């Protein structure tokens, strides 16, 4: 059966913390509810990454696995070819950092993939807790909600846009959170991010299949979750 949407979970053996695999499940389910045929595969770090998929997902990870993932992805080259072809990338935390020019792992500066104009270093304190922000109006999405747990600080260059302006938590630097350019989007939001932000999941699907709108589906439960978490932040 041919697939309408091909989704790759990149290196689950290295990059998969705080339930980030849930992003794959959410994307697949929201596509299937709209009658789209989905092919979802997990590619380990000892396997070649296909460059013909529609969406690539990267999760969080510890320093050592993060550095190893960056090295193997750079050597493989498939992610760069996929982006050049117009594929979508959604990356969380360590996966987000390694898309930039540089990041720090185990006290050492590491080369990133240069798919986003960002650089990451270490902050004075660790960012742990609820994360929220108002998403870039150009994306036309409701506020971001998530959970962050990272020691990094990320600095955006002129060729990238912040995903959101922080209203709670730290994100990149206490002012902005995440980054995006073209069809490449990164965030510090765990949770998993797409269960707490179904509108982002739908944005990725729209980018992947090249449509402006998707058929509506019942979002009663996701919206209850979002309302609960955003209300908890306001009450804190």
Protein backbone atom coordinates (compact mmCIF):
# COMPACT_ATOMS: atom_id res chain seq x y z
CA UNK A 1 0.00 0.00 0.00
CA UNK A 2 1.34 3.41 -0.92
CA UNK A 3 1.51 5.92 1.92
CA UNK A 4 0.17 9.46 1.99
CA UNK A 5 2.54 10.35 4.85
CA UNK A 6 5.89 8.71 5.61
CA UNK A 7 7.21 9.47 9.10
CA UNK A 8 10.66 8.56 10.43
CA UNK A 9 11.55 8.48 14.13
CA UNK A 10 15.28 9.21 14.03
CA UNK A 11 17.64 7.22 16.28
CA UNK A 12 15.26 6.11 19.05
CA UNK A 13 18.19 4.28 20.66
CA UNK A 14 19.94 7.64 21.22
CA UNK A 15 17.25 10.33 21.20
CA UNK A 16 14.08 9.36 23.04
CA UNK A 17 13.46 10.87 26.49
CA UNK A 18 10.41 12.15 28.38
CA UNK A 19 7.93 10.34 26.16
CA UNK A 20 9.10 11.98 22.93
CA UNK A 21 8.13 8.86 20.97
CA UNK A 22 4.59 10.02 21.63
CA UNK A 23 5.12 12.62 18.91
CA UNK A 24 5.28 9.81 16.36
CA UNK A 25 2.08 8.24 17.72
CA UNK A 26 0.20 11.54 17.72
CA UNK A 27 1.19 12.42 14.15
CA UNK A 28 0.27 8.98 12.86
CA UNK A 29 -3.07 8.96 14.67
CA UNK A 30 -4.10 12.45 13.55
CA UNK A 31 -3.25 11.55 9.96
CA UNK A 32 -5.16 8.25 10.11
CA UNK A 33 -8.24 9.93 11.59
CA UNK A 34 -8.35 11.98 8.39
CA UNK A 35 -8.16 8.92 6.16
CA UNK A 36 -4.48 9.29 5.30
CA UNK A 37 -2.35 6.18 4.89
CA UNK A 38 0.68 6.38 7.19
CA UNK A 39 4.01 4.60 7.10
CA UNK A 40 5.82 5.13 10.42
CA UNK A 41 9.28 3.66 10.89
CA UNK A 42 11.96 3.85 13.57
CA UNK A 43 15.55 4.02 12.33
CA UNK A 44 18.28 3.18 14.83
CA UNK A 45 21.69 4.83 14.81
CA UNK A 46 23.37 1.77 13.23
CA UNK A 47 21.01 1.93 10.24
CA UNK A 48 20.99 4.16 7.17
CA UNK A 49 18.45 6.95 7.35
CA UNK A 50 16.09 7.07 4.35
CA UNK A 51 16.02 10.44 2.60
CA UNK A 52 12.61 9.98 0.97
CA UNK A 53 10.28 10.37 3.98
CA UNK A 54 7.91 13.29 4.53
CA UNK A 55 8.47 13.97 8.25
CA UNK A 56 11.52 13.32 10.43
CA UNK A 57 11.23 13.37 14.24
CA UNK A 58 14.14 13.81 16.67
CA UNK A 59 13.75 13.56 20.43
CA UNK A 60 15.70 14.50 23.52
CA UNK A 61 18.71 12.67 24.89
CA UNK A 62 21.70 12.79 27.21
CA UNK A 63 24.99 14.47 26.24
CA UNK A 64 26.86 11.41 24.99
CA UNK A 65 24.04 10.06 22.80
CA UNK A 66 23.35 13.58 21.52
CA UNK A 67 26.94 14.04 20.35
CA UNK A 68 27.00 10.57 18.78
CA UNK A 69 23.71 11.23 16.99
CA UNK A 70 25.06 14.48 15.52
CA UNK A 71 28.20 12.72 14.27
CA UNK A 72 26.27 9.88 12.65
CA UNK A 73 23.67 12.15 11.07
CA UNK A 74 26.41 14.35 9.63
CA UNK A 75 28.20 11.34 8.19
CA UNK A 76 24.99 9.87 6.81
CA UNK A 77 23.83 13.06 5.07
CA UNK A 78 20.28 11.83 4.54
CA UNK A 79 18.69 14.48 6.74
CA UNK A 80 20.28 17.25 4.70
CA UNK A 81 19.13 15.64 1.46
CA UNK A 82 15.62 15.31 2.86
CA UNK A 83 15.50 18.99 3.82
CA UNK A 84 16.78 19.99 0.39
CA UNK A 85 13.93 17.93 -1.05
CA UNK A 86 11.36 19.78 1.11
CA UNK A 87 10.83 17.29 3.95
CA UNK A 88 9.60 18.36 7.39
CA UNK A 89 11.75 18.10 10.53
CA UNK A 90 10.41 18.36 14.07
CA UNK A 91 13.06 18.20 16.81
CA UNK A 92 12.87 18.36 20.60
CA UNK A 93 15.50 19.42 23.16
CA UNK A 94 18.79 17.62 22.34
CA UNK A 95 17.44 16.94 18.86
CA UNK A 96 16.68 20.65 18.50
CA UNK A 97 20.16 21.68 19.63
CA UNK A 98 21.97 19.38 17.23
CA UNK A 99 20.14 20.95 14.27
CA UNK A 100 22.13 24.14 14.91
CA UNK A 101 25.71 25.12 14.18
CA UNK A 102 27.14 24.13 17.57
CA UNK A 103 26.06 22.72 20.93
CA UNK A 104 27.79 21.59 24.14
CA UNK A 105 27.94 18.00 25.33
CA UNK A 106 29.96 16.81 28.35
CA UNK A 107 31.68 20.19 28.52
CA UNK A 108 32.89 20.11 24.92
CA UNK A 109 31.74 22.19 21.98
CA UNK A 110 30.30 19.95 19.26
CA UNK A 111 29.51 20.57 15.63
CA UNK A 112 25.84 20.51 14.74
CA UNK A 113 24.10 19.85 11.43
CA UNK A 114 23.61 23.55 10.51
CA UNK A 115 20.00 23.01 9.51
CA UNK A 116 18.92 25.90 11.75
CA UNK A 117 20.74 29.18 12.36
CA UNK A 118 21.18 28.61 16.11
CA UNK A 119 23.98 27.95 18.60
CA UNK A 120 23.57 26.36 22.01
CA UNK A 121 25.72 26.54 25.13
CA UNK A 122 25.30 25.90 28.85
CA UNK A 123 23.21 28.07 31.14
CA UNK A 124 24.00 29.00 34.72
CA UNK A 125 21.01 26.99 35.96
CA UNK A 126 18.97 24.04 34.72
CA UNK A 127 15.55 24.79 33.25
CA UNK A 128 13.01 22.35 34.69
CA UNK A 129 9.23 22.69 34.75
CA UNK A 130 6.27 23.91 32.76
CA UNK A 131 7.00 25.82 29.55
CA UNK A 132 4.55 28.07 27.73
CA UNK A 133 4.64 30.82 25.15
CA UNK A 134 2.82 32.72 22.43
CA UNK A 135 3.67 31.15 19.08
CA UNK A 136 4.97 33.22 16.17
CA UNK A 137 1.85 34.78 14.56
CA UNK A 138 3.08 33.76 11.11
CA UNK A 139 2.34 30.15 12.04
CA UNK A 140 -1.23 30.93 13.09
CA UNK A 141 -1.25 28.58 16.09
CA UNK A 142 -2.55 28.76 19.68
CA UNK A 143 -0.14 29.15 22.63
CA UNK A 144 2.58 26.57 23.23
CA UNK A 145 2.47 24.34 26.29
CA UNK A 146 5.01 21.76 27.38
CA UNK A 147 7.54 20.55 29.92
CA UNK A 148 11.24 21.43 29.78
CA UNK A 149 14.27 19.83 31.42
CA UNK A 150 17.57 21.04 29.98
CA UNK A 151 20.76 22.85 30.92
CA UNK A 152 21.25 24.54 27.58
CA UNK A 153 20.68 28.07 26.34
CA UNK A 154 20.07 28.57 22.65
CA UNK A 155 20.91 31.71 20.69
CA UNK A 156 19.11 32.47 17.44
CA UNK A 157 20.84 33.88 14.38
CA UNK A 158 19.31 36.24 11.81
CA UNK A 159 18.19 33.43 9.50
CA UNK A 160 15.75 31.77 11.86
CA UNK A 161 12.55 32.73 13.68
CA UNK A 162 11.65 32.02 17.33
CA UNK A 163 8.87 29.49 17.64
CA UNK A 164 7.36 31.39 20.58
CA UNK A 165 7.76 34.22 23.06
CA UNK A 166 8.04 32.78 26.56
CA UNK A 167 5.24 33.39 29.05
CA UNK A 168 6.35 30.69 31.52
CA UNK A 169 9.60 28.80 31.89
CA UNK A 170 12.94 29.39 30.15
CA UNK A 171 12.95 27.94 26.63
CA UNK A 172 15.91 29.30 24.70
CA UNK A 173 16.86 32.08 27.07
CA UNK A 174 13.84 33.19 29.11
CA UNK A 175 12.60 35.37 26.25
CA UNK A 176 12.14 33.10 23.25
CA UNK A 177 11.43 29.40 22.88
CA UNK A 178 12.36 27.12 20.00
CA UNK A 179 13.08 28.10 16.42
CA UNK A 180 11.83 27.48 12.92
CA UNK A 181 12.68 28.18 9.32
CA UNK A 182 11.02 26.72 6.24
CA UNK A 183 9.76 23.28 7.26
CA UNK A 184 12.32 22.76 10.05
CA UNK A 185 11.00 23.37 13.57
CA UNK A 186 12.65 22.82 16.95
CA UNK A 187 11.50 23.22 20.55
CA UNK A 188 12.51 22.47 24.13
CA UNK A 189 8.95 21.29 24.81
CA UNK A 190 8.57 17.71 25.97
CA UNK A 191 5.27 16.39 27.17
CA UNK A 192 5.26 14.89 24.48
CA UNK A 193 5.04 18.16 22.60
CA UNK A 194 2.51 17.11 19.97
CA UNK A 195 0.04 15.64 22.47
CA UNK A 196 0.00 18.98 24.26
CA UNK A 197 0.07 20.97 21.02
CA UNK A 198 -2.07 19.17 18.42
CA UNK A 199 -2.14 22.31 16.27
CA UNK A 200 1.63 21.91 15.76
CA UNK A 201 1.07 18.29 14.75
CA UNK A 202 -1.47 19.43 12.17
CA UNK A 203 0.91 22.13 10.93
CA UNK A 204 3.57 19.46 10.31
CA UNK A 205 1.06 17.31 8.47
CA UNK A 206 -0.06 20.24 6.33
CA UNK A 207 3.54 21.03 5.46
CA UNK A 208 4.19 17.39 4.63
CA UNK A 209 1.25 16.86 2.27
CA UNK A 210 1.17 20.40 0.90
CA UNK A 211 -2.29 21.59 1.90
CA UNK A 212 -3.55 24.71 3.65
CA UNK A 213 -6.21 22.89 5.69
CA UNK A 214 -6.95 19.48 7.12
CA UNK A 215 -10.36 17.97 7.79
CA UNK A 216 -11.51 18.71 11.36
CA UNK A 217 -11.36 15.98 14.00
CA UNK A 218 -12.62 15.77 17.58
CA UNK A 219 -10.06 17.54 19.81
CA UNK A 220 -12.14 17.53 23.00
CA UNK A 221 -9.60 15.60 25.06
CA UNK A 222 -6.46 17.37 23.78
CA UNK A 223 -8.08 20.73 24.46
CA UNK A 224 -8.99 19.63 28.00
CA UNK A 225 -5.35 18.70 28.58
CA UNK A 226 -4.17 22.04 27.22
CA UNK A 227 -6.65 23.99 29.32
CA UNK A 228 -5.63 22.08 32.44
CA UNK A 229 -1.90 22.72 31.99
CA UNK A 230 -2.28 26.39 31.04
CA UNK A 231 -4.62 26.95 34.00
CA UNK A 232 -2.07 25.34 36.32
CA UNK A 233 0.57 27.81 35.12
CA UNK A 234 -1.72 30.77 35.72
CA UNK A 235 -2.53 29.51 39.21
CA UNK A 236 1.10 28.93 40.18
